[in-house]
Amino acid sequence: MESFSVSVIIPVWYEAEGINERIEHVFQRAAEAVCSPAVEIIVADGEPDASTLSAISRTDVVQLACPQGR
């Protein structure tokens, strides 16, 4: 069977409280998938202080601080 890669982009705005649960949910769903794709998670934070990015506990998540007026 062919292997696939999937990128999941999660845009956030002051969502530090629940971001780790959302990230874990995406990884769990990918693991349950029939094709078991390799998953890349990208969190794009529009906050001026990027506080949601600071709350992410996993090191395998791509973190992007987006400039104002994106």
PDB file of N, CA and C in Angstrom:
ATOM      1  N   MET A   1       0.841  -1.173   0.000  1.00  0.00           N
ATOM      2  CA  MET A   1       0.000   0.000   0.000  1.00  0.00           C
ATOM      3  C   MET A   1       0.889   1.240   0.000  1.00  0.00           C
ATOM      4  N   GLU A   2       0.478   2.253  -0.738  1.00  0.00           N
ATOM      5  CA  GLU A   2       1.217   3.500  -0.840  1.00  0.00           C
ATOM      6  C   GLU A   2       1.071   4.315   0.446  1.00  0.00           C
ATOM      7  N   SER A   3       2.159   4.964   0.859  1.00  0.00           N
ATOM      8  CA  SER A   3       2.139   5.793   2.063  1.00  0.00           C
ATOM      9  C   SER A   3       1.880   7.248   1.693  1.00  0.00           C
ATOM     10  N   PHE A   4       1.105   7.934   2.505  1.00  0.00           N
ATOM     11  CA  PHE A   4       0.769   9.327   2.245  1.00  0.00           C
ATOM     12  C   PHE A   4       1.223  10.203   3.402  1.00  0.00           C
ATOM     13  N   SER A   5       1.455  11.463   3.105  1.00  0.00           N
ATOM     14  CA  SER A   5       1.722  12.464   4.135  1.00  0.00           C
ATOM     15  C   SER A   5       0.564  13.445   4.143  1.00  0.00           C
ATOM     16  N   VAL A   6       0.173  13.847   5.322  1.00  0.00           N
ATOM     17  CA  VAL A   6      -0.928  14.790   5.471  1.00  0.00           C
ATOM     18  C   VAL A   6      -0.452  15.933   6.359  1.00  0.00           C
ATOM     19  N   SER A   7      -0.723  17.165   5.926  1.00  0.00           N
ATOM     20  CA  SER A   7      -0.450  18.339   6.753  1.00  0.00           C
ATOM     21  C   SER A   7      -1.782  18.891   7.240  1.00  0.00           C
ATOM     22  N   VAL A   8      -1.868  19.130   8.534  1.00  0.00           N
ATOM     23  CA  VAL A   8      -3.071  19.689   9.138  1.00  0.00           C
ATOM     24  C   VAL A   8      -2.696  21.056   9.695  1.00  0.00           C
ATOM     25  N   ILE A   9      -3.383  22.093   9.220  1.00  0.00           N
ATOM     26  CA  ILE A   9      -3.122  23.450   9.690  1.00  0.00           C
ATOM     27  C   ILE A   9      -4.218  23.831  10.680  1.00  0.00           C
ATOM     28  N   ILE A  10      -3.804  24.226  11.868  1.00  0.00           N
ATOM     29  CA  ILE A  10      -4.747  24.636  12.906  1.00  0.00           C
ATOM     30  C   ILE A  10      -4.536  26.128  13.167  1.00  0.00           C
ATOM     31  N   PRO A  11      -5.432  26.983  12.652  1.00  0.00           N
ATOM     32  CA  PRO A  11      -5.322  28.411  12.959  1.00  0.00           C
ATOM     33  C   PRO A  11      -5.868  28.671  14.364  1.00  0.00           C
ATOM     34  N   VAL A  12      -5.154  29.482  15.137  1.00  0.00           N
ATOM     35  CA  VAL A  12      -5.579  29.745  16.517  1.00  0.00           C
ATOM     36  C   VAL A  12      -5.525  31.232  16.839  1.00  0.00           C
ATOM     37  N   TRP A  13      -6.322  31.605  17.838  1.00  0.00           N
ATOM     38  CA  TRP A  13      -6.364  32.967  18.363  1.00  0.00           C
ATOM     39  C   TRP A  13      -6.749  32.845  19.830  1.00  0.00           C
ATOM     40  N   TYR A  14      -5.784  32.984  20.715  1.00  0.00           N
ATOM     41  CA  TYR A  14      -5.989  32.859  22.165  1.00  0.00           C
ATOM     42  C   TYR A  14      -6.669  31.534  22.530  1.00  0.00           C
ATOM     43  N   GLU A  15      -6.032  30.431  22.175  1.00  0.00           N
ATOM     44  CA  GLU A  15      -6.588  29.102  22.439  1.00  0.00           C
ATOM     45  C   GLU A  15      -5.610  28.214  23.194  1.00  0.00           C
ATOM     46  N   ALA A  16      -4.791  28.809  24.050  1.00  0.00           N
ATOM     47  CA  ALA A  16      -3.781  28.053  24.792  1.00  0.00           C
ATOM     48  C   ALA A  16      -4.395  26.955  25.654  1.00  0.00           C
ATOM     49  N   GLU A  17      -5.563  27.221  26.202  1.00  0.00           N
ATOM     50  CA  GLU A  17      -6.176  26.278  27.136  1.00  0.00           C
ATOM     51  C   GLU A  17      -6.451  24.903  26.518  1.00  0.00           C
ATOM     52  N   GLY A  18      -6.850  24.837  25.273  1.00  0.00           N
ATOM     53  CA  GLY A  18      -7.223  23.548  24.697  1.00  0.00           C
ATOM     54  C   GLY A  18      -6.351  23.064  23.557  1.00  0.00           C
ATOM     55  N   ILE A  19      -5.263  23.753  23.277  1.00  0.00           N
ATOM     56  CA  ILE A  19      -4.491  23.413  22.075  1.00  0.00           C
ATOM     57  C   ILE A  19      -3.862  22.024  22.151  1.00  0.00           C
ATOM     58  N   ASN A  20      -3.348  21.619  23.294  1.00  0.00           N
ATOM     59  CA  ASN A  20      -2.705  20.304  23.382  1.00  0.00           C
ATOM     60  C   ASN A  20      -3.701  19.168  23.183  1.00  0.00           C
ATOM     61  N   GLU A  21      -4.920  19.335  23.670  1.00  0.00           N
ATOM     62  CA  GLU A  21      -5.945  18.316  23.453  1.00  0.00           C
ATOM     63  C   GLU A  21      -6.300  18.217  21.968  1.00  0.00           C
ATOM     64  N   ARG A  22      -6.383  19.352  21.289  1.00  0.00           N
ATOM     65  CA  ARG A  22      -6.695  19.336  19.850  1.00  0.00           C
ATOM     66  C   ARG A  22      -5.589  18.650  19.055  1.00  0.00           C
ATOM     67  N   ILE A  23      -4.355  18.955  19.402  1.00  0.00           N
ATOM     68  CA  ILE A  23      -3.216  18.346  18.710  1.00  0.00           C
ATOM     69  C   ILE A  23      -3.226  16.832  18.920  1.00  0.00           C
ATOM     70  N   GLU A  24      -3.412  16.385  20.149  1.00  0.00           N
ATOM     71  CA  GLU A  24      -3.445  14.947  20.431  1.00  0.00           C
ATOM     72  C   GLU A  24      -4.584  14.269  19.686  1.00  0.00           C
ATOM     73  N   HIS A  25      -5.723  14.936  19.585  1.00  0.00           N
ATOM     74  CA  HIS A  25      -6.865  14.380  18.854  1.00  0.00           C
ATOM     75  C   HIS A  25      -6.504  14.136  17.386  1.00  0.00           C
ATOM     76  N   VAL A  26      -5.829  15.080  16.771  1.00  0.00           N
ATOM     77  CA  VAL A  26      -5.439  14.915  15.363  1.00  0.00           C
ATOM     78  C   VAL A  26      -4.483  13.738  15.212  1.00  0.00           C
ATOM     79  N   PHE A  27      -3.483  13.638  16.084  1.00  0.00           N
ATOM     80  CA  PHE A  27      -2.545  12.517  16.003  1.00  0.00           C
ATOM     81  C   PHE A  27      -3.255  11.182  16.236  1.00  0.00           C
ATOM     82  N   GLN A  28      -4.190  11.125  17.168  1.00  0.00           N
ATOM     83  CA  GLN A  28      -4.931   9.889  17.428  1.00  0.00           C
ATOM     84  C   GLN A  28      -5.780   9.483  16.235  1.00  0.00           C
ATOM     85  N   ARG A  29      -6.467  10.446  15.635  1.00  0.00           N
ATOM     86  CA  ARG A  29      -7.299  10.137  14.463  1.00  0.00           C
ATOM     87  C   ARG A  29      -6.438   9.633  13.306  1.00  0.00           C
ATOM     88  N   ALA A  30      -5.284  10.225  13.118  1.00  0.00           N
ATOM     89  CA  ALA A  30      -4.388   9.777  12.047  1.00  0.00           C
ATOM     90  C   ALA A  30      -3.909   8.353  12.303  1.00  0.00           C
ATOM     91  N   ALA A  31      -3.622   8.025  13.544  1.00  0.00           N
ATOM     92  CA  ALA A  31      -3.169   6.676  13.882  1.00  0.00           C
ATOM     93  C   ALA A  31      -4.262   5.638  13.649  1.00  0.00           C
ATOM     94  N   GLU A  32      -5.520   6.047  13.782  1.00  0.00           N
ATOM     95  CA  GLU A  32      -6.650   5.139  13.576  1.00  0.00           C
ATOM     96  C   GLU A  32      -7.013   4.968  12.106  1.00  0.00           C
ATOM     97  N   ALA A  33      -6.493   5.827  11.251  1.00  0.00           N
ATOM     98  CA  ALA A  33      -6.848   5.789   9.829  1.00  0.00           C
ATOM     99  C   ALA A  33      -6.344   4.503   9.189  1.00  0.00           C
ATOM    100  N   VAL A  34      -7.092   4.027   8.228  1.00  0.00           N
ATOM    101  CA  VAL A  34      -6.744   2.785   7.533  1.00  0.00           C
ATOM    102  C   VAL A  34      -5.391   2.907   6.846  1.00  0.00           C
ATOM    103  N   CYS A  35      -5.124   4.048   6.219  1.00  0.00           N
ATOM    104  CA  CYS A  35      -3.875   4.216   5.475  1.00  0.00           C
ATOM    105  C   CYS A  35      -2.725   4.683   6.370  1.00  0.00           C
ATOM    106  N   SER A  36      -2.997   5.013   7.636  1.00  0.00           N
ATOM    107  CA  SER A  36      -1.991   5.476   8.593  1.00  0.00           C
ATOM    108  C   SER A  36      -1.013   6.471   7.980  1.00  0.00           C
ATOM    109  N   PRO A  37      -1.503   7.634   7.571  1.00  0.00           N
ATOM    110  CA  PRO A  37      -0.613   8.611   6.945  1.00  0.00           C
ATOM    111  C   PRO A  37       0.340   9.237   7.950  1.00  0.00           C
ATOM    112  N   ALA A  38       1.476   9.663   7.435  1.00  0.00           N
ATOM    113  CA  ALA A  38       2.370  10.475   8.257  1.00  0.00           C
ATOM    114  C   ALA A  38       1.699  11.840   8.386  1.00  0.00           C
ATOM    115  N   VAL A  39       1.622  12.357   9.598  1.00  0.00           N
ATOM    116  CA  VAL A  39       0.898  13.602   9.831  1.00  0.00           C
ATOM    117  C   VAL A  39       1.859  14.690  10.299  1.00  0.00           C
ATOM    118  N   GLU A  40       1.729  15.839   9.666  1.00  0.00           N
ATOM    119  CA  GLU A  40       2.440  17.044  10.088  1.00  0.00           C
ATOM    120  C   GLU A  40       1.371  18.008  10.582  1.00  0.00           C
ATOM    121  N   ILE A  41       1.540  18.518  11.787  1.00  0.00           N
ATOM    122  CA  ILE A  41       0.597  19.499  12.313  1.00  0.00           C
ATOM    123  C   ILE A  41       1.293  20.850  12.349  1.00  0.00           C
ATOM    124  N   ILE A  42       0.599  21.840  11.792  1.00  0.00           N
ATOM    125  CA  ILE A  42       1.094  23.213  11.769  1.00  0.00           C
ATOM    126  C   ILE A  42       0.095  24.059  12.543  1.00  0.00           C
ATOM    127  N   VAL A  43       0.556  24.739  13.586  1.00  0.00           N
ATOM    128  CA  VAL A  43      -0.299  25.642  14.351  1.00  0.00           C
ATOM    129  C   VAL A  43       0.094  27.065  13.969  1.00  0.00           C
ATOM    130  N   ALA A  44      -0.874  27.806  13.426  1.00  0.00           N
ATOM    131  CA  ALA A  44      -0.653  29.191  13.000  1.00  0.00           C
ATOM    132  C   ALA A  44      -1.359  30.116  13.984  1.00  0.00           C
ATOM    133  N   ASP A  45      -0.580  30.874  14.732  1.00  0.00           N
ATOM    134  CA  ASP A  45      -1.100  31.713  15.811  1.00  0.00           C
ATOM    135  C   ASP A  45      -1.153  33.171  15.376  1.00  0.00           C
ATOM    136  N   GLY A  46      -2.338  33.773  15.413  1.00  0.00           N
ATOM    137  CA  GLY A  46      -2.508  35.160  15.018  1.00  0.00           C
ATOM    138  C   GLY A  46      -2.436  36.148  16.166  1.00  0.00           C
ATOM    139  N   GLU A  47      -2.191  35.660  17.374  1.00  0.00           N
ATOM    140  CA  GLU A  47      -2.115  36.554  18.528  1.00  0.00           C
ATOM    141  C   GLU A  47      -0.837  37.388  18.483  1.00  0.00           C
ATOM    142  N   PRO A  48      -0.883  38.629  18.961  1.00  0.00           N
ATOM    143  CA  PRO A  48       0.329  39.452  19.000  1.00  0.00           C
ATOM    144  C   PRO A  48       1.430  38.851  19.875  1.00  0.00           C
ATOM    145  N   ASP A  49       1.052  38.178  20.965  1.00  0.00           N
ATOM    146  CA  ASP A  49       2.064  37.616  21.869  1.00  0.00           C
ATOM    147  C   ASP A  49       2.290  36.116  21.665  1.00  0.00           C
ATOM    148  N   ALA A  50       1.588  35.505  20.732  1.00  0.00           N
ATOM    149  CA  ALA A  50       1.732  34.079  20.392  1.00  0.00           C
ATOM    150  C   ALA A  50       1.649  33.173  21.630  1.00  0.00           C
ATOM    151  N   SER A  51       0.732  33.472  22.531  1.00  0.00           N
ATOM    152  CA  SER A  51       0.640  32.695  23.772  1.00  0.00           C
ATOM    153  C   SER A  51       0.177  31.254  23.548  1.00  0.00           C
ATOM    154  N   THR A  52      -0.584  31.010  22.509  1.00  0.00           N
ATOM    155  CA  THR A  52      -0.998  29.629  22.235  1.00  0.00           C
ATOM    156  C   THR A  52       0.209  28.779  21.853  1.00  0.00           C
ATOM    157  N   LEU A  53       1.121  29.332  21.074  1.00  0.00           N
ATOM    158  CA  LEU A  53       2.328  28.588  20.697  1.00  0.00           C
ATOM    159  C   LEU A  53       3.139  28.220  21.935  1.00  0.00           C
ATOM    160  N   SER A  54       3.205  29.109  22.895  1.00  0.00           N
ATOM    161  CA  SER A  54       3.959  28.849  24.128  1.00  0.00           C
ATOM    162  C   SER A  54       3.365  27.695  24.925  1.00  0.00           C
ATOM    163  N   ALA A  55       2.092  27.423  24.743  1.00  0.00           N
ATOM    164  CA  ALA A  55       1.412  26.371  25.501  1.00  0.00           C
ATOM    165  C   ALA A  55       1.573  24.987  24.880  1.00  0.00           C
ATOM    166  N   ILE A  56       2.068  24.897  23.663  1.00  0.00           N
ATOM    167  CA  ILE A  56       2.191  23.600  22.980  1.00  0.00           C
ATOM    168  C   ILE A  56       3.294  22.781  23.636  1.00  0.00           C
ATOM    169  N   SER A  57       2.956  21.563  24.048  1.00  0.00           N
ATOM    170  CA  SER A  57       3.919  20.721  24.756  1.00  0.00           C
ATOM    171  C   SER A  57       4.713  19.795  23.834  1.00  0.00           C
ATOM    172  N   ARG A  58       4.187  19.478  22.672  1.00  0.00           N
ATOM    173  CA  ARG A  58       4.886  18.569  21.753  1.00  0.00           C
ATOM    174  C   ARG A  58       5.938  19.323  20.958  1.00  0.00           C
ATOM    175  N   THR A  59       7.053  18.651  20.708  1.00  0.00           N
ATOM    176  CA  THR A  59       8.137  19.270  19.941  1.00  0.00           C
ATOM    177  C   THR A  59       8.045  18.956  18.453  1.00  0.00           C
ATOM    178  N   ASP A  60       7.146  18.065  18.068  1.00  0.00           N
ATOM    179  CA  ASP A  60       7.025  17.681  16.660  1.00  0.00           C
ATOM    180  C   ASP A  60       5.908  18.431  15.936  1.00  0.00           C
ATOM    181  N   VAL A  61       5.497  19.564  16.482  1.00  0.00           N
ATOM    182  CA  VAL A  61       4.460  20.398  15.877  1.00  0.00           C
ATOM    183  C   VAL A  61       5.123  21.658  15.329  1.00  0.00           C
ATOM    184  N   VAL A  62       4.829  21.987  14.073  1.00  0.00           N
ATOM    185  CA  VAL A  62       5.357  23.209  13.471  1.00  0.00           C
ATOM    186  C   VAL A  62       4.571  24.388  14.031  1.00  0.00           C
ATOM    187  N   GLN A  63       5.285  25.390  14.526  1.00  0.00           N
ATOM    188  CA  GLN A  63       4.642  26.548  15.141  1.00  0.00           C
ATOM    189  C   GLN A  63       4.945  27.797  14.324  1.00  0.00           C
ATOM    190  N   LEU A  64       3.889  28.492  13.910  1.00  0.00           N
ATOM    191  CA  LEU A  64       4.041  29.715  13.128  1.00  0.00           C
ATOM    192  C   LEU A  64       3.363  30.877  13.839  1.00  0.00           C
ATOM    193  N   ALA A  65       4.118  31.937  14.083  1.00  0.00           N
ATOM    194  CA  ALA A  65       3.541  33.176  14.603  1.00  0.00           C
ATOM    195  C   ALA A  65       3.231  34.041  13.388  1.00  0.00           C
ATOM    196  N   CYS A  66       1.968  34.329  13.186  1.00  0.00           N
ATOM    197  CA  CYS A  66       1.542  35.077  12.002  1.00  0.00           C
ATOM    198  C   CYS A  66       1.547  36.577  12.295  1.00  0.00           C
ATOM    199  N   PRO A  67       2.032  37.367  11.351  1.00  0.00           N
ATOM    200  CA  PRO A  67       2.053  38.815  11.561  1.00  0.00           C
ATOM    201  C   PRO A  67       0.647  39.403  11.509  1.00  0.00           C
ATOM    202  N   GLN A  68       0.511  40.567  12.120  1.00  0.00           N
ATOM    203  CA  GLN A  68      -0.768  41.262  12.117  1.00  0.00           C
ATOM    204  C   GLN A  68      -1.156  41.606  10.683  1.00  0.00           C
ATOM    205  N   GLY A  69      -2.434  41.512  10.384  1.00  0.00           N
ATOM    206  CA  GLY A  69      -2.925  41.835   9.048  1.00  0.00           C
ATOM    207  C   GLY A  69      -2.738  40.722   8.045  1.00  0.00           C
ATOM    208  N   ARG A  70      -2.612  39.520   8.524  1.00  0.00           N
ATOM    209  CA  ARG A  70      -2.377  38.379   7.636  1.00  0.00           C
ATOM    210  C   ARG A  70      -3.490  38.268   6.695  1.00  0.00           C
TER     211      ARG A  70
END
